[in-house]
Amino acid sequence: MSRAGYDAFIVVGASDAPVWVEITDHGVTFHDAKDLWGKDTYATQDEVLKRAGVKDAAALVIGPAGENLVRYAVIENDYWRSLGRTGVGAVMGSKKLKGLVFHGSKRREAAHPDRLEKFAKETFARAKDLPGTQAYRKLGTPMLVAINNVVGGFPSKYWHLGTFDGWEGISADALLARCSVKPHACLRCFVGCGNLTELKQGRHKGLKLEGPEYETIYAFGGLCMVHDIEEIVYLNDICDRLGMDTITGGNLCAFTIEAARRGRISSPIDYGDVDAVADLLEKIARRKGIGAVLAEGIRFAAKEWGLEDLAVHVKGMEPAGYDPRVLKGMGLGYAVSDRGACHLRATFYKPEISGMIKPDQIEGKAEMFVDFEDRLTVFDTLVLCRFYRDLYTWERLGEMIHALTGLPAGKQDLRAVAASVSTLIRRFNIREGLVRNDDRLSPALHRALEDSGKNITEDELAYMVREYYRLRGWDDQGIPPADASRPL
C-alpha cells in the first residue's frame, strides 16, 4: 500500500455492481468483478493479481461471508492473513468491493537512514537467539495450548471449563509430530512465527495453510471440543476460504452446540462433530437456515434463542483464548477494550502468564495494564507486530521513531500520544452510544469454572475498571473531560 505513495485510503459510498479496485502510484482503476462474486478468498486473490499483471502486487479480498454481510467477516491477504474480528469484510461487501490490489514503486525517506539501519541491525543481534524468539520460530503461537492448560485458563466446552482433556492432541508438539511444518516469516522478520503446515495423513491429507494459530485452536479445539489437530486445520481452511473470523466462528459453533443440547434449536450438531461444525460454517457464510441467525452475531443469536445468560461476549465480541476467571487482568482488558473482548489491545496475558504480576491480583493491576496498553497503542499507530513487544521497550520505540521521522519521541511524549488516542476513541464510542455498563463481562464469565472453581467477581472487575478510568483521567462513568482531546 505504501508503495502506491499514500498513507491511507478511504472508500466512500457503494458500487451498484461488484468491482475490484487497482490502486497504484499512477492512479486508481475500477474493474468489473461480477464474475468473481461468490468465489472464495484464495481464488479471488489469484484472479485479481493475475488480472493486475504486475510483479510484487498485493491484494486484499473478501469471500462469501463478506459478500453476505456476516458481521464477523474478514478481509484476507496472502491467503491466510486475516484482518479479522469486527466485520471489516462485511464493510467491503456492503460496498460491493470484492478486492483491492496495490502496487507501485514509491519509497519512504527516513529522517536518519543511518540510525534506522543501525537500529535494525542492533535489534536483530539482540533478539535472534533469545529464548522467546526461538520458541516462536519453532512452535509458533500453538505453544500457548500447553501453557494455558497448565495455568487452567484454556477455555473449553463453551467456557464451562478452563482445561481441555486431551489437549496434547491439539498442541504445538502434536502439530509438529503429525504434520509437515516449516517456519514462515513476514517480510524481513527474523522471528518467523508462522507455521506453514501440510497435512501428512488422514482424510484431509495434502491440505496446506499457514497455521493454525493458537486462537483458532482454542476456538475449535477447546470450545467445540475437537480433539485432532488435523481437523482444526480443516476448519481453519474453511474459515479462510469463506473469509470468516475463526475466533467468533468457533465461539458461535460452540454456542450453537449448547443451544441444541438445551433444546432451544433443532440441530444435530454436538461437541466434537467436525462435519456438523464445518456444515454450520458454510451455512453462516451463506445465511442459510440457522446460519442466518448466527450471521448477525452472538448478541442477536442469544436473544433470538433466549440464551443471553449463556452467551460469552463483551460489547458483542467474543473473547480470545485466555479465561478472565484465571487471568483477571485479561478480564479488565476485555471489559474496557474499545472494540469488545479484544486480547490484542494490551496482550496482558503475557505479564500474567510469565509471572510479571500475579494473575489473581486486583490492586495495582490497572497501573501495569495501562502501561502495556499505551505502549501497544503506539505499536498500532505504527502498525507493528505484537510479537516485538518484548524487543521494543519505550526507549527502543523512541529511538526507532526518531530515526524514522526526526520527531522527539521520549517515553512521556509517546505516552501522551497513546493516551490521546485512547481518549479520542473513547469519545467516539460515547458519541455512538457507549455507556458505563458496556465496560463489563457477560454474566457467564462471572460463574465459576466447573473444573477449578476459579472465578472473577463483579466487585473485583468493578474495582479494576474504576482504577483504569482514574489512571486515564476519565470520570467514574468513563467519560473523558471536555478538553481531553479535540471534539468530534
Protein backbone atom coordinates (compact mmCIF):
# COMPACT_ATOMS: atom_id res chain seq x y z
CA MET A 1 0.00 0.00 0.00
CA SER A 2 2.82 2.37 0.88
CA ARG A 3 4.47 1.82 -2.50
CA ALA A 4 1.43 3.45 -4.10
CA GLY A 5 2.51 6.64 -2.34
CA TYR A 6 -0.21 7.10 0.26
CA ASP A 7 -0.68 6.61 4.00
CA ALA A 8 -4.34 5.61 3.90
CA PHE A 9 -7.26 5.06 1.56
CA ILE A 10 -10.91 5.91 2.21
CA VAL A 11 -13.53 4.19 0.08
CA VAL A 12 -16.67 6.34 0.03
CA GLY A 13 -20.10 5.12 -0.98
CA ALA A 14 -21.01 1.83 -2.63
CA SER A 15 -20.93 0.38 -6.12
CA ASP A 16 -24.09 -0.77 -7.85
CA ALA A 17 -22.30 -3.91 -9.07
CA PRO A 18 -19.29 -5.91 -7.83
CA VAL A 19 -15.91 -4.31 -8.51
CA TRP A 20 -12.27 -4.75 -7.65
CA VAL A 21 -10.08 -1.67 -7.39
CA GLU A 22 -6.49 -1.26 -8.50
CA ILE A 23 -4.53 1.44 -6.65
CA THR A 24 -1.07 2.39 -7.92
CA ASP A 25 1.38 5.27 -7.88
CA HIS A 26 -0.14 6.29 -11.22
CA GLY A 27 -3.82 6.34 -10.26
CA VAL A 28 -6.91 4.32 -9.37
CA THR A 29 -8.82 1.98 -11.70
CA PHE A 30 -12.18 0.30 -11.05
CA HIS A 31 -12.62 -3.14 -12.63
CA ASP A 32 -15.72 -5.27 -13.11
CA ALA A 33 -15.89 -8.17 -10.61
CA LYS A 34 -19.28 -9.73 -11.38
CA ASP A 35 -17.62 -13.00 -12.33
CA LEU A 36 -15.65 -13.00 -9.06
CA TRP A 37 -18.69 -12.55 -6.81
CA GLY A 38 -19.27 -15.78 -4.93
CA LYS A 39 -15.70 -17.04 -5.25
CA ASP A 40 -13.65 -17.91 -2.18
CA THR A 41 -10.76 -15.76 -0.99
CA TYR A 42 -7.98 -17.94 -2.45
CA ALA A 43 -9.47 -17.96 -5.95
CA THR A 44 -10.26 -14.25 -5.75
CA GLN A 45 -6.73 -13.29 -4.77
CA ASP A 46 -5.24 -15.43 -7.53
CA GLU A 47 -7.51 -13.91 -10.16
CA VAL A 48 -7.18 -10.21 -9.27
CA LEU A 49 -3.39 -10.48 -9.07
CA LYS A 50 -3.37 -12.25 -12.43
CA ARG A 51 -5.50 -9.50 -13.94
CA ALA A 52 -3.28 -6.79 -12.48
CA GLY A 53 -0.37 -8.50 -14.22
CA VAL A 54 2.30 -6.76 -12.18
CA LYS A 55 5.09 -8.36 -10.20
CA ASP A 56 5.10 -7.55 -6.49
CA ALA A 57 1.44 -6.51 -6.42
CA ALA A 58 -0.56 -7.46 -3.33
CA ALA A 59 -4.27 -7.87 -2.71
CA LEU A 60 -6.91 -7.53 -0.02
CA VAL A 61 -10.01 -9.62 -0.76
CA ILE A 62 -13.25 -10.90 0.73
CA GLY A 63 -15.07 -14.20 0.43
CA PRO A 64 -18.73 -15.25 0.59
CA ALA A 65 -19.01 -14.22 4.25
CA GLY A 66 -18.14 -10.63 3.39
CA GLU A 67 -20.44 -10.60 0.38
CA ASN A 68 -23.33 -11.77 2.56
CA LEU A 69 -22.57 -9.20 5.29
CA VAL A 70 -21.74 -11.69 8.03
CA ARG A 71 -20.94 -9.43 10.97
CA TYR A 72 -17.57 -11.09 11.60
CA ALA A 73 -16.43 -11.39 8.01
CA VAL A 74 -12.74 -10.68 7.50
CA ILE A 75 -10.50 -9.25 4.81
CA GLU A 76 -7.82 -11.71 3.69
CA ASN A 77 -4.41 -11.26 2.13
CA ASP A 78 -1.65 -13.72 1.23
CA TYR A 79 -4.33 -16.44 1.50
CA TRP A 80 -4.09 -16.91 5.26
CA ARG A 81 -3.58 -13.48 6.80
CA SER A 82 -6.82 -12.13 8.21
CA LEU A 83 -7.93 -8.62 9.01
CA GLY A 84 -10.36 -10.09 11.44
CA ARG A 85 -12.72 -9.71 14.35
CA THR A 86 -15.02 -6.72 13.86
CA GLY A 87 -16.53 -7.40 10.46
CA VAL A 88 -14.47 -5.23 8.13
CA GLY A 89 -15.07 -7.83 5.43
CA ALA A 90 -18.78 -7.04 5.64
CA VAL A 91 -17.98 -3.35 5.13
CA MET A 92 -16.28 -4.24 1.84
CA GLY A 93 -19.20 -6.49 0.98
CA SER A 94 -21.69 -3.70 1.59
CA LYS A 95 -19.82 -1.61 -0.97
CA LYS A 96 -19.77 -4.50 -3.48
CA LEU A 97 -15.98 -4.26 -3.22
CA LYS A 98 -14.57 -7.74 -3.87
CA GLY A 99 -10.91 -6.79 -3.69
CA LEU A 100 -8.22 -4.12 -3.60
CA VAL A 101 -4.91 -4.51 -5.40
CA PHE A 102 -1.89 -2.31 -4.67
CA HIS A 103 1.38 -1.83 -6.49
CA GLY A 104 3.87 0.93 -7.13
CA SER A 105 7.47 2.00 -6.78
CA LYS A 106 7.32 4.83 -4.25
CA ARG A 107 9.63 4.56 -1.24
CA ARG A 108 9.67 6.26 2.14
CA GLU A 109 12.54 8.52 3.09
CA ALA A 110 13.73 8.22 6.67
CA ALA A 111 14.87 11.30 8.58
CA HIS A 112 18.04 9.48 9.68
CA PRO A 113 18.52 6.38 7.49
CA ASP A 114 21.88 5.54 9.04
CA ARG A 115 20.35 5.45 12.52
CA LEU A 116 17.44 3.36 11.27
CA GLU A 117 19.79 0.82 9.71
CA LYS A 118 21.82 0.71 12.93
CA PHE A 119 18.61 0.19 14.93
CA ALA A 120 17.56 -2.74 12.72
CA LYS A 121 20.95 -4.44 12.98
CA GLU A 122 21.06 -3.99 16.75
CA THR A 123 17.55 -5.40 17.15
CA PHE A 124 18.46 -8.46 15.11
CA ALA A 125 21.70 -9.02 17.02
CA ARG A 126 20.00 -8.67 20.40
CA ALA A 127 16.95 -10.77 19.67
CA LYS A 128 17.66 -13.50 17.14
CA ASP A 129 18.85 -16.03 19.73
CA LEU A 130 16.58 -15.08 22.64
CA PRO A 131 14.54 -17.98 24.08
CA GLY A 132 11.28 -16.24 23.19
CA THR A 133 12.36 -15.74 19.58
CA GLN A 134 13.47 -19.35 19.30
CA ALA A 135 10.21 -20.59 20.82
CA TYR A 136 8.09 -18.60 18.38
CA ARG A 137 10.18 -19.81 15.45
CA LYS A 138 10.00 -23.47 16.49
CA LEU A 139 6.49 -23.71 17.93
CA GLY A 140 4.58 -20.58 16.87
CA THR A 141 1.54 -19.44 18.82
CA PRO A 142 0.25 -23.05 19.31
CA MET A 143 2.75 -23.30 22.18
CA LEU A 144 0.11 -21.45 24.21
CA VAL A 145 -2.12 -24.54 24.21
CA ALA A 146 0.16 -26.23 26.74
CA ILE A 147 0.84 -23.05 28.70
CA ASN A 148 -2.81 -22.12 29.16
CA ASN A 149 -3.86 -25.64 30.05
CA VAL A 150 -1.20 -25.73 32.75
CA VAL A 151 -2.47 -22.48 34.32
CA GLY A 152 -6.11 -23.55 33.86
CA GLY A 153 -7.07 -20.70 31.55
CA PHE A 154 -7.74 -22.60 28.30
CA PRO A 155 -11.46 -22.04 27.55
CA SER A 156 -13.20 -25.33 26.78
CA LYS A 157 -16.70 -26.75 26.33
CA TYR A 158 -18.05 -23.28 25.56
CA TRP A 159 -16.44 -21.54 28.54
CA HIS A 160 -17.54 -24.11 31.14
CA LEU A 161 -14.01 -25.48 31.66
CA GLY A 162 -10.52 -24.00 31.92
CA THR A 163 -8.70 -27.11 30.72
CA PHE A 164 -9.23 -29.49 27.82
CA ASP A 165 -8.96 -33.22 28.40
CA GLY A 166 -6.68 -34.43 25.61
CA TRP A 167 -5.15 -31.03 24.86
CA GLU A 168 -1.91 -32.80 23.93
CA GLY A 169 -3.55 -33.85 20.65
CA ILE A 170 -4.06 -30.23 19.56
CA SER A 171 -0.82 -28.78 20.92
CA ALA A 172 2.25 -27.42 19.16
CA ASP A 173 4.01 -30.75 19.74
CA ALA A 174 1.15 -32.60 18.05
CA LEU A 175 1.25 -30.21 15.11
CA LEU A 176 4.99 -30.74 14.65
CA ALA A 177 4.83 -34.50 15.13
CA ARG A 178 1.88 -35.24 12.88
CA CYS A 179 2.13 -32.59 10.16
CA SER A 180 4.82 -31.21 7.90
CA VAL A 181 5.61 -27.81 9.42
CA LYS A 182 8.07 -25.15 8.31
CA PRO A 183 8.67 -21.76 9.96
CA HIS A 184 7.31 -18.89 7.89
CA ALA A 185 8.06 -15.21 8.34
CA CYS A 186 6.65 -11.91 7.22
CA LEU A 187 8.95 -9.85 5.02
CA ARG A 188 12.34 -9.32 6.71
CA CYS A 189 11.18 -10.66 10.07
CA PHE A 190 13.67 -12.88 11.90
CA VAL A 191 11.08 -14.33 14.30
CA GLY A 192 9.28 -16.49 11.73
CA CYS A 193 6.36 -17.45 14.00
CA GLY A 194 4.09 -18.58 11.18
CA ASN A 195 3.76 -22.35 10.71
CA LEU A 196 3.47 -23.36 7.07
CA THR A 197 1.60 -26.61 7.58
CA GLU A 198 0.81 -29.53 5.29
CA LEU A 199 -1.27 -32.48 6.50
CA LYS A 200 0.55 -35.78 6.04
CA GLN A 201 -2.24 -38.19 6.98
CA GLY A 202 -5.96 -38.64 7.39
CA ARG A 203 -8.92 -37.61 5.30
CA HIS A 204 -7.52 -34.11 4.63
CA LYS A 205 -4.06 -35.30 3.56
CA GLY A 206 -2.30 -32.71 1.38
CA LEU A 207 -4.19 -29.70 2.79
CA LYS A 208 -1.84 -26.73 3.22
CA LEU A 209 -2.14 -23.47 5.11
CA GLU A 210 -0.25 -21.11 7.35
CA GLY A 211 -1.37 -22.02 10.84
CA PRO A 212 -3.37 -22.93 12.73
CA GLU A 213 -2.73 -20.13 15.21
CA TYR A 214 -3.45 -20.55 18.91
CA GLU A 215 -6.74 -18.64 18.78
CA THR A 216 -8.12 -20.93 16.08
CA ILE A 217 -7.04 -24.00 18.05
CA TYR A 218 -8.74 -22.74 21.22
CA ALA A 219 -11.94 -21.74 19.38
CA PHE A 220 -12.47 -25.04 17.57
CA GLY A 221 -10.37 -27.39 19.69
CA GLY A 222 -11.28 -26.15 23.16
CA LEU A 223 -14.72 -24.59 22.77
CA CYS A 224 -16.04 -27.11 20.21
CA MET A 225 -14.02 -29.98 21.74
CA VAL A 226 -12.36 -31.13 18.52
CA HIS A 227 -9.54 -33.47 19.53
CA ASP A 228 -7.45 -33.74 16.34
CA ILE A 229 -5.12 -31.01 15.13
CA GLU A 230 -5.71 -32.10 11.51
CA GLU A 231 -9.43 -31.41 11.86
CA ILE A 232 -8.74 -27.96 13.30
CA VAL A 233 -6.55 -27.22 10.26
CA TYR A 234 -9.51 -28.29 8.10
CA LEU A 235 -11.92 -25.93 9.90
CA ASN A 236 -9.30 -23.15 9.73
CA ASP A 237 -9.10 -23.62 5.96
CA ILE A 238 -12.88 -23.40 5.59
CA CYS A 239 -12.97 -20.10 7.51
CA ASP A 240 -10.09 -18.64 5.49
CA ARG A 241 -11.74 -19.55 2.20
CA LEU A 242 -15.10 -18.16 3.30
CA GLY A 243 -13.45 -15.04 4.75
CA MET A 244 -14.69 -15.54 8.32
CA ASP A 245 -13.08 -14.83 11.69
CA THR A 246 -12.08 -18.09 13.37
CA ILE A 247 -12.44 -16.82 16.96
CA THR A 248 -16.05 -15.73 16.52
CA GLY A 249 -16.74 -18.63 14.19
CA GLY A 250 -15.60 -21.18 16.76
CA ASN A 251 -17.41 -19.42 19.59
CA LEU A 252 -20.69 -19.36 17.69
CA CYS A 253 -20.42 -23.01 16.69
CA ALA A 254 -19.89 -23.95 20.36
CA PHE A 255 -22.77 -21.67 21.40
CA THR A 256 -24.96 -23.45 18.83
CA ILE A 257 -23.96 -26.81 20.31
CA GLU A 258 -25.12 -25.61 23.73
CA ALA A 259 -28.36 -24.27 22.24
CA ALA A 260 -29.05 -27.63 20.62
CA ARG A 261 -28.26 -29.52 23.84
CA ARG A 262 -30.69 -27.29 25.75
CA GLY A 263 -33.44 -27.82 23.20
CA ARG A 264 -33.58 -24.18 22.07
CA ILE A 265 -32.96 -25.16 18.45
CA SER A 266 -33.32 -28.33 16.43
CA SER A 267 -29.90 -29.24 15.09
CA PRO A 268 -27.86 -32.48 15.03
CA ILE A 269 -24.64 -30.63 15.97
CA ASP A 270 -22.70 -31.69 19.08
CA TYR A 271 -19.26 -31.37 20.66
CA GLY A 272 -16.51 -32.97 18.61
CA ASP A 273 -18.67 -33.33 15.48
CA VAL A 274 -16.31 -31.77 12.93
CA ASP A 275 -18.54 -32.27 9.90
CA ALA A 276 -21.51 -30.63 11.63
CA VAL A 277 -19.30 -27.67 12.59
CA ALA A 278 -17.99 -27.41 9.02
CA ASP A 279 -21.55 -27.51 7.66
CA LEU A 280 -22.61 -24.77 10.08
CA LEU A 281 -19.74 -22.51 8.98
CA GLU A 282 -20.93 -22.85 5.38
CA LYS A 283 -24.50 -22.07 6.40
CA ILE A 284 -23.37 -18.94 8.28
CA ALA A 285 -21.36 -17.61 5.34
CA ARG A 286 -24.32 -18.09 3.00
CA ARG A 287 -27.02 -17.15 5.57
CA LYS A 288 -28.88 -20.44 5.23
CA GLY A 289 -31.12 -21.89 7.95
CA ILE A 290 -29.83 -21.17 11.45
CA GLY A 291 -26.77 -19.69 9.76
CA ALA A 292 -28.85 -16.58 9.03
CA VAL A 293 -29.34 -16.06 12.77
CA LEU A 294 -25.69 -16.69 13.61
CA ALA A 295 -24.52 -14.39 10.82
CA GLU A 296 -25.91 -11.49 12.87
CA GLY A 297 -23.56 -12.25 15.77
CA ILE A 298 -23.69 -13.52 19.33
CA ARG A 299 -26.00 -10.88 20.82
CA PHE A 300 -28.65 -11.38 18.14
CA ALA A 301 -28.49 -15.19 18.31
CA ALA A 302 -28.55 -15.22 22.12
CA LYS A 303 -31.65 -13.04 22.21
CA GLU A 304 -33.32 -15.00 19.42
CA TRP A 305 -32.78 -18.30 21.27
CA GLY A 306 -33.34 -16.98 24.81
CA LEU A 307 -29.79 -17.73 25.93
CA GLU A 308 -28.46 -14.31 26.89
CA ASP A 309 -27.21 -15.57 30.26
CA LEU A 310 -25.14 -18.23 28.47
CA ALA A 311 -23.62 -16.04 25.75
CA VAL A 312 -19.98 -15.05 26.29
CA HIS A 313 -19.00 -11.67 24.84
CA VAL A 314 -18.14 -8.05 25.60
CA LYS A 315 -19.83 -5.36 23.52
CA GLY A 316 -20.92 -8.10 21.13
CA MET A 317 -17.46 -9.57 20.50
CA GLU A 318 -16.25 -12.86 21.92
CA PRO A 319 -13.04 -13.11 24.00
CA ALA A 320 -9.87 -14.77 22.81
CA GLY A 321 -8.44 -17.92 24.39
CA TYR A 322 -7.49 -16.54 27.83
CA ASP A 323 -10.07 -17.12 30.54
CA PRO A 324 -10.54 -13.99 32.69
CA ARG A 325 -11.58 -16.08 35.68
CA VAL A 326 -7.95 -17.24 35.86
CA LEU A 327 -6.14 -14.30 34.21
CA LYS A 328 -8.03 -11.47 35.88
CA GLY A 329 -6.13 -8.68 34.13
CA MET A 330 -7.49 -10.11 30.89
CA GLY A 331 -10.94 -9.56 32.40
CA LEU A 332 -10.10 -5.86 32.71
CA GLY A 333 -8.70 -5.86 29.17
CA TYR A 334 -11.80 -7.47 27.72
CA ALA A 335 -14.14 -5.17 29.66
CA VAL A 336 -12.59 -1.82 28.70
CA SER A 337 -11.41 -2.63 25.18
CA ASP A 338 -12.92 -0.19 22.71
CA ARG A 339 -13.98 -2.89 20.25
CA GLY A 340 -15.20 -5.61 22.57
CA ALA A 341 -13.36 -8.55 24.15
CA CYS A 342 -10.04 -7.92 22.41
CA HIS A 343 -6.84 -9.59 23.67
CA LEU A 344 -4.57 -7.56 21.40
CA ARG A 345 -5.13 -4.06 22.73
CA ALA A 346 -2.74 -4.81 25.60
CA THR A 347 -1.82 -8.54 25.27
CA PHE A 348 -1.98 -8.57 29.06
CA TYR A 349 -1.91 -12.36 29.16
CA LYS A 350 1.85 -12.01 28.70
CA PRO A 351 2.69 -10.40 32.07
CA GLU A 352 0.14 -12.57 33.88
CA ILE A 353 1.34 -15.89 32.45
CA SER A 354 5.05 -15.02 32.65
CA GLY A 355 4.95 -14.01 36.32
CA MET A 356 5.44 -10.26 35.94
CA ILE A 357 2.27 -9.84 38.00
CA LYS A 358 0.07 -12.38 39.79
CA PRO A 359 -2.90 -13.49 37.67
CA ASP A 360 -5.37 -13.15 40.57
CA GLN A 361 -4.02 -9.80 41.79
CA ILE A 362 -6.56 -6.98 41.74
CA GLU A 363 -4.94 -3.97 43.41
CA GLY A 364 -2.35 -2.24 41.27
CA LYS A 365 -3.20 -4.28 38.19
CA ALA A 366 -4.72 -1.40 36.25
CA GLU A 367 -1.47 0.56 36.51
CA MET A 368 0.57 -2.12 34.75
CA PHE A 369 -2.28 -2.68 32.32
CA VAL A 370 -2.35 0.97 31.24
CA ASP A 371 1.41 0.92 30.63
CA PHE A 372 1.05 -2.14 28.39
CA GLU A 373 -1.98 -0.68 26.62
CA ASP A 374 -0.25 2.65 25.98
CA ARG A 375 2.87 1.05 24.53
CA LEU A 376 0.86 -1.25 22.31
CA THR A 377 -1.33 1.63 21.18
CA VAL A 378 1.87 3.16 19.84
CA PHE A 379 2.51 -0.19 18.16
CA ASP A 380 -0.88 0.12 16.48
CA THR A 381 -0.23 3.65 15.23
CA LEU A 382 2.97 2.33 13.61
CA VAL A 383 1.44 -0.99 12.51
CA LEU A 384 3.97 -3.10 14.41
CA CYS A 385 3.71 -6.79 15.20
CA ARG A 386 2.66 -7.68 18.74
CA PHE A 387 5.43 -10.27 19.00
CA TYR A 388 8.02 -7.48 19.11
CA ARG A 389 6.55 -6.24 22.40
CA ASP A 390 9.48 -7.63 24.42
CA LEU A 391 12.01 -6.17 21.98
CA TYR A 392 10.63 -2.65 21.61
CA THR A 393 10.65 -1.07 25.04
CA TRP A 394 9.56 2.56 25.41
CA GLU A 395 13.17 3.61 24.90
CA ARG A 396 13.71 1.48 21.81
CA LEU A 397 10.42 2.69 20.32
CA GLY A 398 11.58 6.26 20.82
CA GLU A 399 14.89 5.55 19.08
CA MET A 400 13.14 4.00 16.10
CA ILE A 401 10.55 6.74 15.73
CA HIS A 402 13.15 9.49 15.96
CA ALA A 403 15.35 7.76 13.37
CA LEU A 404 12.39 7.39 11.04
CA THR A 405 10.66 10.74 11.47
CA GLY A 406 13.08 13.08 13.22
CA LEU A 407 10.37 13.85 15.78
CA PRO A 408 11.11 13.86 19.53
CA ALA A 409 9.93 10.55 20.96
CA GLY A 410 10.73 10.21 24.64
CA LYS A 411 8.63 7.93 26.82
CA GLN A 412 6.43 10.77 28.09
CA ASP A 413 5.92 12.08 24.55
CA LEU A 414 4.83 8.65 23.37
CA ARG A 415 2.60 8.01 26.37
CA ALA A 416 0.87 11.33 25.75
CA VAL A 417 0.20 10.31 22.14
CA ALA A 418 -1.12 6.90 23.25
CA ALA A 419 -3.36 8.45 25.90
CA SER A 420 -4.79 10.91 23.39
CA VAL A 421 -5.56 8.03 21.00
CA SER A 422 -7.37 6.07 23.73
CA THR A 423 -9.33 9.13 24.80
CA LEU A 424 -10.28 10.08 21.24
CA ILE A 425 -11.58 6.55 20.58
CA ARG A 426 -13.46 6.65 23.87
CA ARG A 427 -15.12 9.92 22.94
CA PHE A 428 -16.08 8.49 19.56
CA ASN A 429 -17.65 5.41 21.17
CA ILE A 430 -19.56 7.55 23.69
CA ARG A 431 -20.88 9.66 20.85
CA GLU A 432 -22.09 6.44 19.20
CA GLY A 433 -23.93 5.29 22.34
CA LEU A 434 -21.38 3.60 24.64
CA VAL A 435 -22.27 3.78 28.36
CA ARG A 436 -20.51 2.70 31.57
CA ASN A 437 -22.44 -0.56 31.73
CA ASP A 438 -20.89 -1.67 28.45
CA ASP A 439 -17.48 -1.98 30.16
CA ARG A 440 -18.30 -5.29 31.77
CA LEU A 441 -18.09 -9.03 31.25
CA SER A 442 -21.14 -11.07 30.32
CA PRO A 443 -22.83 -12.91 33.22
CA ALA A 444 -21.48 -16.29 32.09
CA LEU A 445 -17.93 -15.13 32.86
CA HIS A 446 -18.87 -14.42 36.48
CA ARG A 447 -19.81 -18.06 37.02
CA ALA A 448 -17.04 -20.26 38.41
CA LEU A 449 -15.16 -22.64 36.14
CA GLU A 450 -16.52 -26.14 36.61
CA ASP A 451 -13.11 -27.82 36.75
CA SER A 452 -11.21 -25.44 39.05
CA GLY A 453 -13.84 -23.29 40.77
CA LYS A 454 -11.89 -20.16 39.84
CA ASN A 455 -13.86 -17.01 39.22
CA ILE A 456 -13.69 -13.25 38.79
CA THR A 457 -16.33 -11.43 40.82
CA GLU A 458 -18.25 -8.38 39.66
CA ASP A 459 -16.69 -6.41 42.54
CA GLU A 460 -13.17 -7.37 41.50
CA LEU A 461 -13.81 -6.27 37.94
CA ALA A 462 -15.53 -3.05 39.03
CA TYR A 463 -12.51 -2.14 41.20
CA MET A 464 -10.08 -2.59 38.28
CA VAL A 465 -12.33 -0.65 35.90
CA ARG A 466 -12.58 2.27 38.35
CA GLU A 467 -8.80 2.33 38.69
CA TYR A 468 -8.47 2.21 34.91
CA TYR A 469 -10.78 5.20 34.49
CA ARG A 470 -8.85 7.13 37.15
CA LEU A 471 -5.50 6.45 35.51
CA ARG A 472 -6.92 7.51 32.15
CA GLY A 473 -8.19 10.77 33.67
CA TRP A 474 -11.84 9.91 32.99
CA ASP A 475 -14.70 10.29 35.47
CA ASP A 476 -16.40 7.42 37.32
CA GLN A 477 -18.66 6.80 34.31
CA GLY A 478 -15.67 6.50 31.99
CA ILE A 479 -16.28 9.89 30.37
CA PRO A 480 -13.19 11.94 29.48
CA PRO A 481 -13.13 15.65 30.41
CA ALA A 482 -14.30 18.01 27.68
CA ASP A 483 -10.80 19.32 26.98
CA ALA A 484 -9.11 15.86 26.90
CA SER A 485 -8.96 15.73 23.11
CA ARG A 486 -10.29 17.59 20.15
CA PRO A 487 -14.11 17.49 19.87
CA LEU A 488 -15.82 15.12 17.49
